[in-house]
Amino acid sequence: MKAEEKIVEAKYFLQEAAFLNKNAAVAWIAKRDALEQFRVELKKNNYWAVVRGPYGEAELGRMRSNGGFENTYMISASDLLN
């Protein structure tokens, strides 16, 4: 698979939490396991989302089959402001 195809395919994020302000989102991350790769992104609805990803459909399918979606919400990259 070419690099460009991988970027196009990777269009989903797992949202762990959402907050009205960025500082609250950063504080949420600080209280979690440092091994997790979280980041804060502004959503189109003006909430600050704590997300993991991006993931492609194939990756999400593997994660789902391994029970990897507890306490998470899947969102599309189009929900985020770039």
Protein backbone atom coordinates (compact mmCIF):
# COMPACT_ATOMS: atom_id res chain seq x y z
CA MET A 1 0.00 0.00 0.00
CA LYS A 2 1.32 3.44 -0.93
CA ALA A 3 1.76 6.09 1.77
CA GLU A 4 -0.94 8.28 0.20
CA GLU A 5 -3.46 5.43 0.32
CA LYS A 6 -2.71 4.78 3.97
CA ILE A 7 -3.38 8.44 4.86
CA VAL A 8 -6.70 8.43 3.00
CA GLU A 9 -7.74 5.16 4.66
CA ALA A 10 -6.86 6.37 8.18
CA LYS A 11 -9.93 8.48 8.76
CA TYR A 12 -11.28 7.52 12.18
CA PHE A 13 -10.36 8.35 15.76
CA LEU A 14 -11.32 6.82 19.08
CA GLN A 15 -12.66 9.55 21.34
CA GLU A 16 -11.96 8.88 25.01
CA ALA A 17 -13.48 12.06 26.44
CA ALA A 18 -14.69 15.56 25.47
CA PHE A 19 -14.56 18.85 27.35
CA LEU A 20 -15.66 22.46 26.95
CA ASN A 21 -12.12 23.74 27.45
CA LYS A 22 -8.72 22.54 26.36
CA ASN A 23 -7.18 22.69 29.85
CA ALA A 24 -9.68 20.13 31.14
CA ALA A 25 -8.80 17.79 28.27
CA VAL A 26 -5.08 18.14 28.96
CA ALA A 27 -5.68 17.49 32.68
CA TRP A 28 -7.65 14.32 31.80
CA ILE A 29 -4.67 13.04 29.80
CA ALA A 30 -2.25 13.88 32.62
CA LYS A 31 -4.20 11.57 34.95
CA ARG A 32 -3.94 8.60 32.58
CA ASP A 33 -1.34 5.99 31.76
CA ALA A 34 1.65 7.62 30.07
CA LEU A 35 1.91 4.66 27.67
CA GLU A 36 -1.33 5.61 25.92
CA GLN A 37 -0.92 7.95 22.96
CA PHE A 38 -3.66 10.55 23.44
CA ARG A 39 -3.97 13.93 21.82
CA VAL A 40 -6.39 16.83 22.08
CA GLU A 41 -8.32 17.98 19.01
CA LEU A 42 -11.00 20.65 18.59
CA LYS A 43 -14.25 19.26 17.21
CA LYS A 44 -16.64 21.15 14.94
CA ASN A 45 -19.11 21.32 17.85
CA ASN A 46 -16.49 23.38 19.81
CA TYR A 47 -15.72 20.60 22.28
CA TRP A 48 -12.13 19.56 22.93
CA ALA A 49 -11.86 15.83 22.30
CA VAL A 50 -9.24 13.51 23.75
CA VAL A 51 -8.57 11.07 20.91
CA ARG A 52 -6.38 8.17 19.85
CA GLY A 53 -5.63 7.58 16.21
CA PRO A 54 -6.03 8.05 13.33
CA TYR A 55 -7.09 4.56 12.34
CA GLY A 56 -8.23 3.01 9.10
CA GLU A 57 -11.26 0.77 8.76
CA ALA A 58 -9.12 -2.39 8.74
CA GLU A 59 -7.37 -1.40 11.98
CA LEU A 60 -10.69 -0.64 13.67
CA GLY A 61 -12.02 -4.02 12.58
CA ARG A 62 -9.09 -5.78 14.22
CA MET A 63 -9.48 -3.73 17.39
CA ARG A 64 -13.21 -4.44 17.54
CA SER A 65 -12.64 -8.17 17.20
CA ASN A 66 -10.19 -8.02 20.13
CA GLY A 67 -12.69 -6.16 22.34
CA GLY A 68 -10.85 -2.85 22.02
CA PHE A 69 -13.82 -0.46 22.12
CA GLU A 70 -14.84 -0.41 25.77
CA ASN A 71 -15.44 3.13 27.07
CA THR A 72 -14.62 4.72 23.73
CA TYR A 73 -16.55 6.47 20.99
CA MET A 74 -15.50 6.28 17.33
CA ILE A 75 -15.55 9.55 15.38
CA SER A 76 -14.73 10.47 11.82
CA ALA A 77 -11.80 12.76 11.02
CA SER A 78 -14.37 15.04 9.37
CA ASP A 79 -15.77 15.80 12.87
CA LEU A 80 -12.51 17.55 13.76
CA LEU A 81 -11.38 21.06 12.84
CA ASN A 82 -8.04 20.98 11.05
